[in-house]
Structures are given as C-alpha cells and as structure tokens.
C-alpha cells in the first residue's frame, strides 16, 4: 500500500508468520490461531504470508469444508 500511512513489507510479514508457525508446539493449526488479532488487515496479512509459504513448500494449506470452513495450515517437516 504505497502512499498510505501504513506501508507493508511482505518479506518481513512472511518471516514473522513463519516464525509463529515454527514456534508453535503443534504441526497443524488454523488461520485464526496464527492471527494475533481478528482485525481484517491482520487476517489478510497472515493469509497472504501463508500462501507464499505454501508456494515455497514449507507448509500445506487446506480447507475441509469449502468455501466457508476453517483454513488449516500443516507444517512440512522443517528443521
């Protein structure tokens, strides 16, 4: 969002979400568990970050009940 009071840094956001995922004690979590708040900006930032992490094959993202079910994130054996 260039030119606004809040400018995002995608790489930092992805690194922050990856840190949250790797510090959780379980290998599967929901999108809601990863979000610090339920504010729209936070949820969007988290969702975009997990999509990039899935693209990098660090996590799997799936939904059991499409299109309105919870979004699940599963780690793929990181070290």
N, C-alpha and C. Protein backbone atom coordinates (compact mmCIF):
# COMPACT_ATOMS: atom_id res chain seq x y z
N UNK A 1 0.83 -1.19 0.00
CA UNK A 1 0.00 0.00 0.00
C UNK A 1 0.87 1.24 0.00
N UNK A 2 1.44 1.54 -1.09
CA UNK A 2 2.30 2.71 -1.16
C UNK A 2 1.49 3.98 -1.06
N UNK A 3 2.06 4.94 -0.36
CA UNK A 3 1.40 6.22 -0.25
C UNK A 3 0.40 6.32 0.88
N UNK A 4 0.29 5.28 1.68
CA UNK A 4 -0.62 5.34 2.82
C UNK A 4 0.18 5.43 4.10
N UNK A 5 -0.51 5.67 5.19
CA UNK A 5 0.17 5.77 6.48
C UNK A 5 0.77 4.44 6.90
N UNK A 6 0.21 3.34 6.37
CA UNK A 6 0.69 2.01 6.73
C UNK A 6 1.28 1.33 5.49
N UNK A 7 2.60 1.22 5.43
CA UNK A 7 3.24 0.56 4.30
C UNK A 7 3.70 -0.83 4.75
N UNK A 8 3.31 -1.83 3.97
CA UNK A 8 3.62 -3.21 4.30
C UNK A 8 4.97 -3.62 3.73
N UNK A 9 5.62 -4.52 4.42
CA UNK A 9 6.84 -5.13 3.93
C UNK A 9 6.59 -6.63 3.87
N UNK A 10 6.32 -7.15 2.69
CA UNK A 10 5.89 -8.53 2.51
C UNK A 10 6.91 -9.53 3.05
N UNK A 11 8.18 -9.31 2.78
CA UNK A 11 9.19 -10.26 3.24
C UNK A 11 9.23 -10.33 4.76
N UNK A 12 9.11 -9.21 5.43
CA UNK A 12 9.08 -9.21 6.90
C UNK A 12 7.83 -9.91 7.42
N UNK A 13 6.70 -9.68 6.77
CA UNK A 13 5.45 -10.33 7.18
C UNK A 13 5.57 -11.84 7.06
N UNK A 14 6.12 -12.32 5.94
CA UNK A 14 6.28 -13.76 5.72
C UNK A 14 7.21 -14.34 6.78
N UNK A 15 8.32 -13.66 7.06
CA UNK A 15 9.27 -14.14 8.08
C UNK A 15 8.60 -14.19 9.46
N UNK A 16 7.79 -13.20 9.77
CA UNK A 16 7.10 -13.17 11.06
C UNK A 16 6.11 -14.33 11.19
N UNK A 17 5.35 -14.59 10.14
CA UNK A 17 4.38 -15.68 10.17
C UNK A 17 5.10 -17.03 10.23
N UNK A 18 6.20 -17.17 9.50
CA UNK A 18 6.98 -18.41 9.55
C UNK A 18 7.52 -18.65 10.97
N UNK A 19 7.96 -17.59 11.62
CA UNK A 19 8.45 -17.72 12.99
C UNK A 19 7.32 -18.18 13.92
N UNK A 20 6.13 -17.59 13.75
CA UNK A 20 4.98 -18.02 14.56
C UNK A 20 4.67 -19.50 14.35
N UNK A 21 4.71 -19.93 13.08
CA UNK A 21 4.41 -21.34 12.77
C UNK A 21 5.43 -22.26 13.41
N UNK A 22 6.71 -21.93 13.28
CA UNK A 22 7.76 -22.83 13.77
C UNK A 22 7.88 -22.83 15.29
N UNK A 23 7.36 -21.81 15.96
CA UNK A 23 7.42 -21.80 17.41
C UNK A 23 6.20 -22.43 18.07
N UNK A 24 5.18 -22.74 17.26
CA UNK A 24 4.01 -23.42 17.82
C UNK A 24 4.39 -24.88 18.08
N UNK A 25 3.82 -25.45 19.12
CA UNK A 25 4.19 -26.81 19.50
C UNK A 25 3.45 -27.89 18.73
N UNK A 26 2.62 -27.50 17.81
CA UNK A 26 1.89 -28.50 17.03
C UNK A 26 2.18 -28.33 15.55
N UNK A 27 1.98 -29.40 14.79
CA UNK A 27 2.29 -29.36 13.36
C UNK A 27 1.10 -28.92 12.51
N UNK A 28 -0.07 -28.77 13.12
CA UNK A 28 -1.25 -28.32 12.40
C UNK A 28 -1.96 -27.25 13.21
N UNK A 29 -2.39 -26.19 12.53
CA UNK A 29 -3.07 -25.08 13.19
C UNK A 29 -4.06 -24.46 12.21
N UNK A 30 -4.88 -23.54 12.70
CA UNK A 30 -5.81 -22.84 11.82
C UNK A 30 -5.29 -21.43 11.56
N UNK A 31 -5.85 -20.83 10.54
CA UNK A 31 -5.51 -19.44 10.23
C UNK A 31 -5.80 -18.55 11.43
N UNK A 32 -6.92 -18.77 12.09
CA UNK A 32 -7.30 -17.98 13.26
C UNK A 32 -6.29 -18.07 14.39
N UNK A 33 -5.69 -19.24 14.57
CA UNK A 33 -4.68 -19.41 15.62
C UNK A 33 -3.40 -18.63 15.32
N UNK A 34 -3.11 -18.43 14.05
CA UNK A 34 -1.90 -17.70 13.67
C UNK A 34 -2.06 -16.19 13.75
N UNK A 35 -3.28 -15.71 13.64
CA UNK A 35 -3.53 -14.27 13.67
C UNK A 35 -3.43 -13.75 15.10
N UNK A 36 -2.69 -12.67 15.27
CA UNK A 36 -2.58 -12.06 16.60
C UNK A 36 -3.88 -11.40 17.01
N UNK A 37 -4.57 -10.81 16.04
CA UNK A 37 -5.87 -10.18 16.29
C UNK A 37 -6.82 -10.65 15.20
N UNK A 38 -8.07 -10.34 15.35
CA UNK A 38 -9.05 -10.71 14.33
C UNK A 38 -9.36 -9.54 13.40
N UNK A 39 -8.51 -8.51 13.43
CA UNK A 39 -8.71 -7.36 12.56
C UNK A 39 -8.45 -7.76 11.11
N UNK A 40 -9.20 -7.16 10.22
CA UNK A 40 -9.14 -7.51 8.80
C UNK A 40 -7.73 -7.44 8.23
N UNK A 41 -6.99 -6.37 8.52
CA UNK A 41 -5.62 -6.23 7.99
C UNK A 41 -4.72 -7.37 8.45
N UNK A 42 -4.84 -7.76 9.71
CA UNK A 42 -4.02 -8.84 10.26
C UNK A 42 -4.35 -10.17 9.59
N UNK A 43 -5.62 -10.45 9.40
CA UNK A 43 -6.03 -11.71 8.77
C UNK A 43 -5.54 -11.76 7.32
N UNK A 44 -5.67 -10.66 6.59
CA UNK A 44 -5.22 -10.62 5.20
C UNK A 44 -3.70 -10.79 5.12
N UNK A 45 -2.97 -10.09 5.99
CA UNK A 45 -1.50 -10.21 6.02
C UNK A 45 -1.09 -11.65 6.29
N UNK A 46 -1.75 -12.29 7.24
CA UNK A 46 -1.43 -13.67 7.60
C UNK A 46 -1.76 -14.62 6.45
N UNK A 47 -2.92 -14.43 5.83
CA UNK A 47 -3.32 -15.30 4.72
C UNK A 47 -2.36 -15.17 3.54
N UNK A 48 -1.99 -13.97 3.18
CA UNK A 48 -1.04 -13.78 2.08
C UNK A 48 0.30 -14.43 2.41
N UNK A 49 0.75 -14.27 3.64
CA UNK A 49 2.02 -14.87 4.05
C UNK A 49 1.97 -16.39 3.98
N UNK A 50 0.87 -17.00 4.43
CA UNK A 50 0.80 -18.47 4.39
C UNK A 50 0.71 -18.98 2.94
N UNK A 51 0.12 -18.19 2.06
CA UNK A 51 0.09 -18.59 0.65
C UNK A 51 1.49 -18.59 0.05
N UNK A 52 2.30 -17.60 0.40
CA UNK A 52 3.70 -17.59 -0.06
C UNK A 52 4.47 -18.75 0.55
N UNK A 53 4.26 -19.05 1.83
CA UNK A 53 4.95 -20.17 2.47
C UNK A 53 4.54 -21.50 1.85
N UNK A 54 3.28 -21.62 1.46
CA UNK A 54 2.81 -22.84 0.77
C UNK A 54 3.48 -22.95 -0.60
N UNK A 55 3.60 -21.84 -1.29
CA UNK A 55 4.27 -21.83 -2.59
C UNK A 55 5.73 -22.27 -2.46
N UNK A 56 6.36 -21.92 -1.34
CA UNK A 56 7.75 -22.31 -1.08
C UNK A 56 7.86 -23.73 -0.52
N UNK A 57 6.74 -24.45 -0.45
CA UNK A 57 6.67 -25.83 0.06
C UNK A 57 7.13 -25.97 1.50
N UNK A 58 6.88 -24.95 2.31
CA UNK A 58 7.19 -25.02 3.73
C UNK A 58 5.99 -25.50 4.53
N UNK A 59 4.79 -25.28 3.99
CA UNK A 59 3.55 -25.66 4.66
C UNK A 59 2.55 -26.15 3.61
N UNK A 60 1.51 -26.84 4.10
CA UNK A 60 0.35 -27.19 3.28
C UNK A 60 -0.83 -26.40 3.82
N UNK A 61 -1.68 -25.95 2.94
CA UNK A 61 -2.87 -25.18 3.31
C UNK A 61 -4.08 -25.89 2.74
N UNK A 62 -5.09 -26.13 3.57
CA UNK A 62 -6.29 -26.80 3.07
C UNK A 62 -7.52 -26.41 3.88
N UNK A 63 -8.66 -26.75 3.32
CA UNK A 63 -9.95 -26.48 3.93
C UNK A 63 -10.77 -27.75 3.87
N UNK A 64 -11.36 -28.16 4.96
CA UNK A 64 -12.19 -29.37 4.97
C UNK A 64 -13.58 -29.08 4.43
N UNK A 65 -14.10 -27.90 4.73
CA UNK A 65 -15.43 -27.52 4.27
C UNK A 65 -15.32 -26.27 3.41
N UNK A 66 -15.28 -26.50 2.09
CA UNK A 66 -15.14 -25.40 1.15
C UNK A 66 -16.52 -24.81 0.86
N UNK A 67 -16.71 -23.53 0.76
CA UNK A 67 -15.76 -22.44 0.76
C UNK A 67 -15.67 -21.69 2.09
N UNK A 68 -16.47 -22.06 3.08
CA UNK A 68 -16.52 -21.23 4.30
C UNK A 68 -15.96 -21.91 5.54
N UNK A 69 -15.32 -23.04 5.39
CA UNK A 69 -14.75 -23.73 6.54
C UNK A 69 -13.45 -23.08 7.00
N UNK A 70 -12.96 -23.56 8.13
CA UNK A 70 -11.68 -23.07 8.64
C UNK A 70 -10.56 -23.40 7.68
N UNK A 71 -9.56 -22.53 7.64
CA UNK A 71 -8.37 -22.76 6.82
C UNK A 71 -7.31 -23.35 7.73
N UNK A 72 -6.81 -24.54 7.35
CA UNK A 72 -5.81 -25.25 8.14
C UNK A 72 -4.43 -25.10 7.51
N UNK A 73 -3.43 -25.04 8.38
CA UNK A 73 -2.03 -24.97 7.96
C UNK A 73 -1.31 -26.14 8.59
N UNK A 74 -0.57 -26.89 7.79
CA UNK A 74 0.19 -28.02 8.30
C UNK A 74 1.65 -27.86 7.89
N UNK A 75 2.54 -28.03 8.84
CA UNK A 75 3.97 -27.90 8.54
C UNK A 75 4.45 -29.12 7.75
N UNK A 76 5.48 -28.91 6.97
CA UNK A 76 6.07 -29.99 6.18
C UNK A 76 7.49 -30.19 6.67
N UNK A 77 7.68 -30.93 7.72
CA UNK A 77 8.97 -31.32 8.26
C UNK A 77 10.10 -30.33 8.12
N UNK A 78 9.98 -29.18 8.76
CA UNK A 78 11.03 -28.18 8.73
C UNK A 78 12.08 -28.50 9.78
N UNK A 79 13.27 -27.87 9.63
CA UNK A 79 14.33 -28.04 10.64
C UNK A 79 14.80 -26.70 11.10
